N, C-alpha and C. Protein backbone atom coordinates (compact mmCIF):
# COMPACT_ATOMS: atom_id res chain seq x y z
N MET A 1 8.74 42.03 4.87
CA MET A 1 8.54 41.45 3.58
C MET A 1 8.79 39.94 3.70
N ARG A 2 7.88 39.17 3.13
CA ARG A 2 8.03 37.72 3.18
C ARG A 2 9.03 37.21 2.18
N GLU A 3 9.82 36.27 2.62
CA GLU A 3 10.84 35.67 1.72
C GLU A 3 10.20 34.62 0.86
N LYS A 4 10.55 34.61 -0.42
CA LYS A 4 9.95 33.64 -1.36
C LYS A 4 10.60 32.30 -1.08
N ASN A 5 9.80 31.24 -1.31
CA ASN A 5 10.38 29.88 -1.21
C ASN A 5 11.34 29.65 -2.33
N ARG A 6 12.41 28.93 -2.02
CA ARG A 6 13.38 28.56 -3.05
C ARG A 6 12.81 27.49 -3.96
N LEU A 7 12.90 27.63 -5.22
CA LEU A 7 12.37 26.69 -6.19
C LEU A 7 13.44 25.60 -6.51
N VAL A 8 13.02 24.40 -6.47
CA VAL A 8 13.95 23.30 -6.72
C VAL A 8 13.26 22.31 -7.71
N VAL A 9 14.09 21.60 -8.47
CA VAL A 9 13.56 20.50 -9.34
C VAL A 9 13.14 19.37 -8.50
N PRO A 10 11.86 18.93 -8.64
CA PRO A 10 11.43 17.82 -7.80
C PRO A 10 12.14 16.49 -8.10
N VAL A 11 12.94 16.07 -7.22
CA VAL A 11 13.70 14.81 -7.37
C VAL A 11 13.98 14.25 -6.00
N ASN A 12 14.01 12.92 -5.87
CA ASN A 12 14.30 12.23 -4.63
C ASN A 12 15.29 11.12 -4.99
N LEU A 13 16.56 11.42 -5.07
CA LEU A 13 17.60 10.39 -5.47
C LEU A 13 17.69 9.30 -4.48
N GLU A 14 17.46 9.60 -3.12
CA GLU A 14 17.47 8.57 -2.14
C GLU A 14 16.37 7.56 -2.38
N ALA A 15 15.13 8.07 -2.77
CA ALA A 15 14.03 7.14 -2.98
C ALA A 15 14.36 6.25 -4.24
N GLU A 16 14.94 6.88 -5.24
CA GLU A 16 15.26 6.13 -6.48
C GLU A 16 16.23 5.02 -6.17
N SER A 17 17.34 5.41 -5.51
CA SER A 17 18.33 4.37 -5.21
C SER A 17 17.84 3.27 -4.23
N SER A 18 17.10 3.68 -3.20
CA SER A 18 16.47 2.72 -2.31
C SER A 18 15.48 1.76 -3.00
N LEU A 19 14.69 2.35 -3.86
CA LEU A 19 13.77 1.52 -4.62
C LEU A 19 14.46 0.51 -5.47
N LEU A 20 15.47 0.93 -6.17
CA LEU A 20 16.21 0.00 -7.00
C LEU A 20 16.90 -1.03 -6.18
N GLY A 21 17.47 -0.63 -5.04
CA GLY A 21 18.07 -1.62 -4.14
C GLY A 21 17.06 -2.61 -3.57
N GLY A 22 15.88 -2.16 -3.32
CA GLY A 22 14.82 -3.07 -2.80
C GLY A 22 14.41 -4.04 -3.85
N LEU A 23 14.34 -3.63 -5.17
CA LEU A 23 13.96 -4.45 -6.25
C LEU A 23 15.05 -5.46 -6.55
N ILE A 24 16.29 -5.12 -6.35
CA ILE A 24 17.36 -6.11 -6.49
C ILE A 24 17.39 -7.11 -5.34
N ARG A 25 17.13 -6.63 -4.17
CA ARG A 25 17.19 -7.52 -3.03
C ARG A 25 15.97 -8.38 -2.93
N TYR A 26 14.77 -7.87 -3.35
CA TYR A 26 13.57 -8.56 -3.32
C TYR A 26 12.85 -8.58 -4.67
N PRO A 27 13.35 -9.37 -5.58
CA PRO A 27 12.97 -9.31 -6.99
C PRO A 27 11.48 -9.54 -7.24
N ASP A 28 10.74 -10.20 -6.40
CA ASP A 28 9.31 -10.35 -6.57
C ASP A 28 8.58 -9.04 -6.42
N ALA A 29 9.21 -8.09 -5.72
CA ALA A 29 8.53 -6.83 -5.47
C ALA A 29 8.42 -5.93 -6.78
N ILE A 30 9.00 -6.38 -7.85
CA ILE A 30 8.85 -5.59 -9.07
C ILE A 30 7.42 -5.69 -9.61
N ALA A 31 6.67 -6.72 -9.24
CA ALA A 31 5.28 -6.82 -9.57
C ALA A 31 4.44 -5.71 -8.95
N ARG A 32 4.94 -5.13 -7.83
CA ARG A 32 4.23 -4.09 -7.14
C ARG A 32 4.38 -2.71 -7.75
N VAL A 33 5.25 -2.57 -8.74
CA VAL A 33 5.55 -1.30 -9.29
C VAL A 33 5.35 -1.34 -10.80
N GLN A 34 4.33 -2.09 -11.28
CA GLN A 34 4.10 -2.25 -12.73
C GLN A 34 3.83 -0.88 -13.39
N GLY A 35 3.21 0.10 -12.77
CA GLY A 35 2.94 1.34 -13.42
C GLY A 35 4.16 2.29 -13.53
N LEU A 36 5.26 1.88 -12.96
CA LEU A 36 6.45 2.72 -12.99
C LEU A 36 7.20 2.49 -14.31
N SER A 37 7.74 3.55 -14.84
CA SER A 37 8.52 3.46 -16.05
C SER A 37 9.93 3.99 -15.84
N PRO A 38 10.94 3.57 -16.66
CA PRO A 38 12.25 4.11 -16.48
C PRO A 38 12.31 5.66 -16.58
N GLU A 39 11.43 6.22 -17.39
CA GLU A 39 11.40 7.68 -17.56
C GLU A 39 11.12 8.45 -16.27
N ALA A 40 10.55 7.76 -15.28
CA ALA A 40 10.24 8.37 -14.00
C ALA A 40 11.45 8.67 -13.19
N PHE A 41 12.61 8.06 -13.47
CA PHE A 41 13.83 8.25 -12.71
C PHE A 41 14.51 9.47 -13.24
N TYR A 42 14.98 10.29 -12.37
CA TYR A 42 15.71 11.51 -12.70
C TYR A 42 17.13 11.26 -13.07
N GLN A 43 17.81 10.32 -12.33
CA GLN A 43 19.19 9.99 -12.47
C GLN A 43 19.24 9.03 -13.68
N PRO A 44 19.92 9.32 -14.76
CA PRO A 44 19.94 8.40 -15.91
C PRO A 44 20.40 7.00 -15.67
N HIS A 45 21.37 6.79 -14.81
CA HIS A 45 21.82 5.46 -14.45
C HIS A 45 20.74 4.72 -13.71
N HIS A 46 20.00 5.39 -12.89
CA HIS A 46 18.90 4.75 -12.19
C HIS A 46 17.86 4.21 -13.21
N ALA A 47 17.56 5.07 -14.23
CA ALA A 47 16.61 4.65 -15.30
C ALA A 47 17.14 3.42 -16.02
N GLU A 48 18.44 3.41 -16.27
CA GLU A 48 18.99 2.25 -16.96
C GLU A 48 18.95 0.97 -16.05
N VAL A 49 19.26 1.12 -14.82
CA VAL A 49 19.15 -0.02 -13.94
C VAL A 49 17.74 -0.53 -13.88
N PHE A 50 16.74 0.38 -13.83
CA PHE A 50 15.33 -0.11 -13.79
C PHE A 50 14.94 -0.75 -15.05
N ARG A 51 15.42 -0.19 -16.17
CA ARG A 51 15.12 -0.78 -17.51
C ARG A 51 15.65 -2.21 -17.56
N SER A 52 16.89 -2.41 -17.00
CA SER A 52 17.47 -3.74 -16.97
C SER A 52 16.65 -4.68 -16.05
N LEU A 53 16.25 -4.18 -14.96
CA LEU A 53 15.41 -5.02 -14.02
C LEU A 53 14.17 -5.46 -14.77
N GLN A 54 13.52 -4.60 -15.48
CA GLN A 54 12.30 -4.91 -16.22
C GLN A 54 12.63 -5.95 -17.29
N ARG A 55 13.67 -5.81 -18.05
CA ARG A 55 14.01 -6.84 -19.07
C ARG A 55 14.32 -8.20 -18.38
N LEU A 56 15.07 -8.20 -17.36
CA LEU A 56 15.37 -9.49 -16.65
C LEU A 56 14.09 -10.09 -16.14
N PHE A 57 13.22 -9.36 -15.54
CA PHE A 57 12.00 -9.87 -15.00
C PHE A 57 11.09 -10.43 -16.10
N ALA A 58 10.98 -9.68 -17.18
CA ALA A 58 10.13 -10.13 -18.35
C ALA A 58 10.66 -11.38 -18.94
N ALA A 59 11.97 -11.52 -18.97
CA ALA A 59 12.56 -12.77 -19.58
C ALA A 59 12.61 -13.97 -18.57
N GLY A 60 12.22 -13.72 -17.34
CA GLY A 60 12.25 -14.78 -16.38
C GLY A 60 13.56 -15.06 -15.79
N HIS A 61 14.56 -14.20 -16.01
CA HIS A 61 15.88 -14.37 -15.51
C HIS A 61 15.96 -13.91 -14.06
N PRO A 62 17.00 -14.41 -13.29
CA PRO A 62 17.13 -13.98 -11.93
C PRO A 62 17.55 -12.47 -11.84
N ILE A 63 17.00 -11.82 -10.89
CA ILE A 63 17.40 -10.44 -10.66
C ILE A 63 18.34 -10.36 -9.53
N GLU A 64 19.61 -10.21 -9.85
CA GLU A 64 20.67 -10.10 -8.88
C GLU A 64 21.72 -9.16 -9.44
N ALA A 65 22.58 -8.61 -8.60
CA ALA A 65 23.45 -7.51 -8.99
C ALA A 65 24.31 -7.87 -10.24
N ILE A 66 24.83 -9.11 -10.22
CA ILE A 66 25.65 -9.47 -11.41
C ILE A 66 24.84 -9.62 -12.68
N ALA A 67 23.58 -10.14 -12.54
CA ALA A 67 22.74 -10.27 -13.78
C ALA A 67 22.41 -8.84 -14.28
N VAL A 68 22.13 -7.89 -13.40
CA VAL A 68 21.81 -6.55 -13.77
C VAL A 68 23.01 -5.95 -14.52
N SER A 69 24.23 -6.18 -13.98
CA SER A 69 25.46 -5.61 -14.59
C SER A 69 25.65 -6.14 -15.95
N VAL A 70 25.49 -7.48 -16.08
CA VAL A 70 25.67 -8.14 -17.41
C VAL A 70 24.65 -7.62 -18.38
N GLU A 71 23.36 -7.49 -17.93
CA GLU A 71 22.31 -7.03 -18.83
C GLU A 71 22.57 -5.60 -19.26
N MET A 72 22.98 -4.76 -18.41
CA MET A 72 23.31 -3.32 -18.77
C MET A 72 24.42 -3.27 -19.70
N GLN A 73 25.50 -4.05 -19.47
CA GLN A 73 26.65 -4.00 -20.37
C GLN A 73 26.27 -4.55 -21.75
N SER A 74 25.36 -5.57 -21.82
CA SER A 74 24.96 -6.09 -23.07
C SER A 74 24.20 -5.08 -23.92
N HIS A 75 23.67 -4.06 -23.23
CA HIS A 75 22.95 -2.93 -23.94
C HIS A 75 23.83 -1.68 -24.01
N GLY A 76 25.12 -1.83 -23.82
CA GLY A 76 26.07 -0.72 -24.01
C GLY A 76 26.12 0.29 -22.84
N VAL A 77 25.55 -0.06 -21.68
CA VAL A 77 25.55 0.84 -20.55
C VAL A 77 26.65 0.40 -19.59
N GLU A 78 27.60 1.23 -19.42
CA GLU A 78 28.68 0.93 -18.48
C GLU A 78 28.36 1.35 -17.03
N ILE A 79 28.35 0.31 -16.17
CA ILE A 79 28.16 0.57 -14.75
C ILE A 79 28.92 -0.52 -13.97
N SER A 80 29.52 -0.17 -12.93
CA SER A 80 30.35 -1.18 -12.20
C SER A 80 29.42 -2.03 -11.36
N LEU A 81 29.87 -3.22 -11.11
CA LEU A 81 29.11 -4.14 -10.21
C LEU A 81 29.02 -3.55 -8.82
N GLU A 82 30.09 -2.85 -8.37
CA GLU A 82 30.07 -2.23 -7.05
C GLU A 82 28.91 -1.20 -7.00
N ASP A 83 28.69 -0.46 -8.03
CA ASP A 83 27.65 0.54 -7.97
C ASP A 83 26.24 -0.15 -7.82
N ILE A 84 26.13 -1.24 -8.52
CA ILE A 84 24.85 -1.96 -8.45
C ILE A 84 24.68 -2.58 -7.07
N GLU A 85 25.74 -3.21 -6.51
CA GLU A 85 25.75 -3.78 -5.22
C GLU A 85 25.48 -2.71 -4.09
N SER A 86 26.00 -1.53 -4.31
CA SER A 86 25.76 -0.48 -3.39
C SER A 86 24.29 -0.13 -3.26
N LEU A 87 23.53 -0.25 -4.34
CA LEU A 87 22.15 0.03 -4.31
C LEU A 87 21.42 -1.00 -3.39
N SER A 88 21.75 -2.24 -3.48
CA SER A 88 21.07 -3.28 -2.71
C SER A 88 21.57 -3.26 -1.32
N SER A 89 22.73 -2.72 -1.02
CA SER A 89 23.22 -2.70 0.43
C SER A 89 22.38 -1.84 1.31
N SER A 90 21.73 -0.81 0.74
CA SER A 90 20.97 0.08 1.60
C SER A 90 19.41 -0.07 1.31
N ALA A 91 19.13 -1.29 0.84
CA ALA A 91 17.70 -1.48 0.45
C ALA A 91 16.82 -1.60 1.60
N PRO A 92 15.63 -1.07 1.41
CA PRO A 92 14.60 -1.16 2.52
C PRO A 92 13.93 -2.52 2.39
N GLY A 93 13.03 -2.81 3.31
CA GLY A 93 12.23 -4.06 3.22
C GLY A 93 11.30 -4.03 2.07
N PRO A 94 10.74 -5.23 1.72
CA PRO A 94 9.89 -5.29 0.56
C PRO A 94 8.58 -4.45 0.72
N ALA A 95 8.13 -4.22 1.96
CA ALA A 95 6.94 -3.47 2.22
C ALA A 95 7.09 -2.00 1.79
N SER A 96 8.32 -1.53 1.78
CA SER A 96 8.55 -0.06 1.42
C SER A 96 8.60 0.14 -0.09
N VAL A 97 8.67 -0.84 -0.91
CA VAL A 97 8.92 -0.63 -2.30
C VAL A 97 7.79 0.19 -2.96
N ARG A 98 6.58 -0.05 -2.62
CA ARG A 98 5.43 0.64 -3.24
C ARG A 98 5.53 2.15 -2.79
N MET A 99 5.76 2.40 -1.53
CA MET A 99 5.91 3.77 -1.07
C MET A 99 7.00 4.54 -1.74
N LEU A 100 8.19 3.86 -1.99
CA LEU A 100 9.30 4.49 -2.69
C LEU A 100 8.95 4.72 -4.15
N ALA A 101 8.23 3.77 -4.77
CA ALA A 101 7.84 3.99 -6.17
C ALA A 101 6.92 5.10 -6.29
N THR A 102 6.01 5.32 -5.29
CA THR A 102 5.04 6.43 -5.33
C THR A 102 5.86 7.77 -5.26
N SER A 103 6.83 7.73 -4.36
CA SER A 103 7.63 8.99 -4.27
C SER A 103 8.43 9.32 -5.60
N VAL A 104 8.99 8.24 -6.21
CA VAL A 104 9.65 8.47 -7.49
C VAL A 104 8.68 8.97 -8.58
N MET A 105 7.54 8.36 -8.65
CA MET A 105 6.48 8.74 -9.57
C MET A 105 5.98 10.17 -9.31
N ASP A 106 5.80 10.50 -8.05
CA ASP A 106 5.34 11.85 -7.70
C ASP A 106 6.32 12.92 -8.21
N CYS A 107 7.60 12.72 -7.95
CA CYS A 107 8.61 13.66 -8.42
C CYS A 107 8.56 13.75 -9.97
N HIS A 108 8.40 12.60 -10.59
CA HIS A 108 8.35 12.58 -12.06
C HIS A 108 7.15 13.39 -12.55
N ARG A 109 5.98 13.22 -11.97
CA ARG A 109 4.77 13.90 -12.32
C ARG A 109 5.00 15.43 -12.15
N LEU A 110 5.65 15.83 -11.10
CA LEU A 110 5.87 17.27 -10.87
C LEU A 110 6.81 17.80 -11.94
N ARG A 111 7.84 17.03 -12.32
CA ARG A 111 8.67 17.46 -13.44
C ARG A 111 7.88 17.56 -14.81
N GLN A 112 6.97 16.64 -14.97
CA GLN A 112 6.02 16.70 -16.13
C GLN A 112 5.26 17.96 -16.09
N LEU A 113 4.72 18.34 -14.90
CA LEU A 113 3.98 19.55 -14.77
C LEU A 113 4.83 20.78 -15.04
N MET A 114 6.11 20.74 -14.60
CA MET A 114 7.00 21.84 -14.97
C MET A 114 7.16 21.97 -16.43
N GLU A 115 7.32 20.88 -17.11
CA GLU A 115 7.51 20.89 -18.57
C GLU A 115 6.20 21.45 -19.27
N ALA A 116 5.07 20.94 -18.81
CA ALA A 116 3.77 21.43 -19.34
C ALA A 116 3.67 22.96 -19.12
N GLY A 117 4.07 23.46 -17.89
CA GLY A 117 4.04 24.86 -17.68
C GLY A 117 4.92 25.67 -18.61
N ARG A 118 6.13 25.08 -18.91
CA ARG A 118 7.02 25.73 -19.85
C ARG A 118 6.39 25.83 -21.26
N GLU A 119 5.77 24.71 -21.61
CA GLU A 119 5.13 24.62 -22.95
C GLU A 119 3.95 25.61 -23.00
N ILE A 120 3.17 25.70 -21.93
CA ILE A 120 2.03 26.59 -21.89
C ILE A 120 2.52 28.09 -21.98
N GLY A 121 3.65 28.41 -21.28
CA GLY A 121 4.24 29.69 -21.37
C GLY A 121 4.59 30.04 -22.82
N GLU A 122 5.15 29.10 -23.47
CA GLU A 122 5.58 29.28 -24.92
C GLU A 122 4.34 29.45 -25.80
N LEU A 123 3.23 28.76 -25.48
CA LEU A 123 1.97 28.94 -26.26
C LEU A 123 1.57 30.41 -26.14
N ALA A 124 1.57 30.92 -24.92
CA ALA A 124 1.06 32.21 -24.69
C ALA A 124 1.97 33.31 -25.39
N MET A 125 3.17 32.97 -25.62
CA MET A 125 4.10 34.00 -26.28
C MET A 125 4.29 33.75 -27.75
N THR A 126 3.61 32.80 -28.35
CA THR A 126 3.73 32.53 -29.76
C THR A 126 2.78 33.42 -30.57
N PRO A 127 3.36 34.27 -31.34
CA PRO A 127 2.53 35.20 -32.14
C PRO A 127 1.73 34.44 -33.22
N GLY A 128 0.62 35.08 -33.59
CA GLY A 128 -0.09 34.62 -34.71
C GLY A 128 -1.28 33.67 -34.39
N TYR A 129 -1.52 33.39 -33.12
CA TYR A 129 -2.66 32.55 -32.68
C TYR A 129 -3.55 33.33 -31.77
N ASN A 130 -4.84 33.00 -31.81
CA ASN A 130 -5.73 33.66 -30.87
C ASN A 130 -5.75 32.95 -29.55
N SER A 131 -6.18 33.64 -28.52
CA SER A 131 -6.11 33.08 -27.12
C SER A 131 -6.89 31.79 -27.00
N ALA A 132 -8.06 31.68 -27.64
CA ALA A 132 -8.92 30.52 -27.52
C ALA A 132 -8.15 29.23 -28.01
N GLU A 133 -7.45 29.39 -29.18
CA GLU A 133 -6.66 28.24 -29.71
C GLU A 133 -5.58 27.82 -28.71
N GLN A 134 -4.83 28.78 -28.22
CA GLN A 134 -3.76 28.55 -27.29
C GLN A 134 -4.27 27.96 -25.95
N ILE A 135 -5.39 28.44 -25.52
CA ILE A 135 -5.90 27.86 -24.23
C ILE A 135 -6.37 26.46 -24.45
N ASP A 136 -7.01 26.14 -25.63
CA ASP A 136 -7.31 24.80 -25.88
C ASP A 136 -6.15 23.88 -25.87
N LYS A 137 -5.02 24.34 -26.49
CA LYS A 137 -3.77 23.52 -26.49
C LYS A 137 -3.27 23.34 -25.07
N ALA A 138 -3.33 24.40 -24.26
CA ALA A 138 -2.92 24.34 -22.93
C ALA A 138 -3.71 23.32 -22.11
N GLN A 139 -5.00 23.35 -22.34
CA GLN A 139 -5.88 22.40 -21.65
C GLN A 139 -5.54 20.99 -22.00
N MET A 140 -5.21 20.79 -23.26
CA MET A 140 -4.90 19.45 -23.70
C MET A 140 -3.60 18.96 -23.02
N LEU A 141 -2.67 19.87 -22.84
CA LEU A 141 -1.43 19.50 -22.14
C LEU A 141 -1.75 19.01 -20.71
N LEU A 142 -2.61 19.82 -20.04
CA LEU A 142 -2.98 19.43 -18.72
C LEU A 142 -3.80 18.19 -18.65
N ALA A 143 -4.71 18.01 -19.62
CA ALA A 143 -5.54 16.80 -19.67
C ALA A 143 -4.69 15.55 -19.84
N LYS A 144 -3.55 15.74 -20.62
CA LYS A 144 -2.67 14.59 -20.83
C LYS A 144 -2.01 14.19 -19.55
N LEU A 145 -1.67 15.18 -18.70
CA LEU A 145 -1.16 14.76 -17.37
C LEU A 145 -2.15 14.03 -16.55
N GLU A 146 -3.44 14.41 -16.60
CA GLU A 146 -4.50 13.71 -15.92
C GLU A 146 -4.64 12.31 -16.40
N THR A 147 -4.55 12.16 -17.75
CA THR A 147 -4.67 10.81 -18.33
C THR A 147 -3.56 9.90 -17.85
N VAL A 148 -2.34 10.41 -17.75
CA VAL A 148 -1.16 9.64 -17.28
C VAL A 148 -1.36 9.19 -15.88
N ARG A 149 -1.93 10.12 -15.03
CA ARG A 149 -2.16 9.82 -13.65
C ARG A 149 -3.12 8.63 -13.49
N SER A 150 -4.23 8.69 -14.24
CA SER A 150 -5.25 7.70 -14.07
C SER A 150 -4.81 6.34 -14.70
N ARG A 151 -3.85 6.31 -15.52
CA ARG A 151 -3.38 5.11 -16.16
C ARG A 151 -2.78 4.10 -15.11
N HIS A 152 -2.26 4.65 -13.99
CA HIS A 152 -1.65 3.79 -13.01
C HIS A 152 -2.57 3.21 -12.01
N GLU A 153 -3.86 3.57 -12.06
CA GLU A 153 -4.81 2.98 -11.19
C GLU A 153 -5.73 2.03 -11.99
N PRO A 154 -5.78 0.77 -11.62
CA PRO A 154 -6.55 -0.21 -12.39
C PRO A 154 -8.03 0.22 -12.42
N LYS A 155 -8.61 0.11 -13.63
CA LYS A 155 -10.05 0.39 -13.84
C LYS A 155 -10.60 -0.59 -14.80
N SER A 156 -11.91 -0.79 -14.77
CA SER A 156 -12.56 -1.65 -15.74
C SER A 156 -12.57 -0.87 -17.10
N ILE A 157 -12.68 -1.53 -18.20
CA ILE A 157 -12.68 -0.86 -19.49
C ILE A 157 -13.88 -0.01 -19.59
N THR A 158 -15.03 -0.41 -19.06
CA THR A 158 -16.26 0.40 -19.14
C THR A 158 -16.02 1.72 -18.36
N GLU A 159 -15.45 1.66 -17.21
CA GLU A 159 -15.17 2.85 -16.42
C GLU A 159 -14.21 3.81 -17.16
N SER A 160 -13.17 3.20 -17.81
CA SER A 160 -12.26 4.03 -18.58
C SER A 160 -12.85 4.72 -19.75
N ILE A 161 -13.73 4.05 -20.43
CA ILE A 161 -14.40 4.63 -21.64
C ILE A 161 -15.28 5.70 -21.18
N VAL A 162 -16.03 5.53 -20.07
CA VAL A 162 -16.97 6.60 -19.54
C VAL A 162 -16.09 7.81 -19.15
N ASP A 163 -14.95 7.61 -18.47
CA ASP A 163 -14.08 8.69 -18.06
C ASP A 163 -13.54 9.47 -19.26
N TYR A 164 -13.14 8.71 -20.33
CA TYR A 164 -12.60 9.32 -21.50
C TYR A 164 -13.71 10.11 -22.25
N LEU A 165 -14.93 9.61 -22.31
CA LEU A 165 -15.98 10.34 -22.97
C LEU A 165 -16.33 11.56 -22.22
N ASP A 166 -16.23 11.52 -20.80
CA ASP A 166 -16.46 12.74 -20.06
C ASP A 166 -15.40 13.81 -20.39
N VAL A 167 -14.18 13.39 -20.55
CA VAL A 167 -13.12 14.37 -20.86
C VAL A 167 -13.44 15.00 -22.23
N LEU A 168 -13.83 14.12 -23.21
CA LEU A 168 -14.10 14.68 -24.53
C LEU A 168 -15.28 15.62 -24.49
N GLN A 169 -16.32 15.30 -23.71
CA GLN A 169 -17.47 16.10 -23.51
C GLN A 169 -17.16 17.44 -22.89
N ASP A 170 -16.24 17.44 -21.90
CA ASP A 170 -15.78 18.67 -21.29
C ASP A 170 -15.01 19.57 -22.26
N LEU A 171 -14.19 18.95 -23.07
CA LEU A 171 -13.45 19.75 -24.05
C LEU A 171 -14.47 20.27 -25.07
N SER A 172 -15.44 19.56 -25.53
CA SER A 172 -16.41 20.00 -26.47
C SER A 172 -17.24 21.16 -25.87
N ASP A 173 -17.47 21.11 -24.57
CA ASP A 173 -18.23 22.23 -23.89
C ASP A 173 -17.37 23.38 -23.51
N GLY A 174 -16.04 23.31 -23.80
CA GLY A 174 -15.18 24.45 -23.54
C GLY A 174 -14.68 24.45 -22.13
N LYS A 175 -14.86 23.33 -21.39
CA LYS A 175 -14.38 23.22 -20.00
C LYS A 175 -12.93 22.71 -19.96
N ASN A 176 -12.33 22.98 -18.84
CA ASN A 176 -10.91 22.44 -18.68
C ASN A 176 -11.02 21.19 -17.94
N PRO A 177 -10.85 19.99 -18.63
CA PRO A 177 -10.91 18.75 -17.96
C PRO A 177 -9.89 18.48 -16.85
N ALA A 178 -8.75 19.28 -16.87
CA ALA A 178 -7.72 19.09 -15.84
C ALA A 178 -8.13 19.66 -14.53
N ILE A 179 -9.21 20.51 -14.53
CA ILE A 179 -9.64 21.13 -13.29
C ILE A 179 -11.08 20.62 -13.08
N ARG A 180 -11.25 19.76 -12.00
CA ARG A 180 -12.56 19.15 -11.79
C ARG A 180 -13.07 19.60 -10.46
């Protein structure tokens, strides 16, 4: 009998901390991760550090450990300067930032898929609705994940509109736009 794979929540804390360390050590690298959001981080303090990095970058302030610490404290988030400095002490080179951001985003997308699966399961078990209505709702949840994925790849507005109209047409035709 074959042993089932152990299920785990998709998270890569090493990639999260290395990415943040790389952004602190090489502040210009934040421009390479514009599609990344604080919500992509699994560890709440990592999300707060990233949010602070974004605020500092947007305001044109220097991105250094002490500035991140002050920024976080000004928003009511307690974190020690040593914790922030420890992120930058194991930072990779600037060329690795995009790869690490991709890993963090990949784990986040898998967690979003887990959540969509949970919601789809609840749809199937909700009494009082017919299967077609619930399947339509499930397809919309999956189409939303597809829309989020494509948001991070630059496209012309014309191409985006055409893609969106294709998704609407698929939905109108009863097709699942999440499966192409």
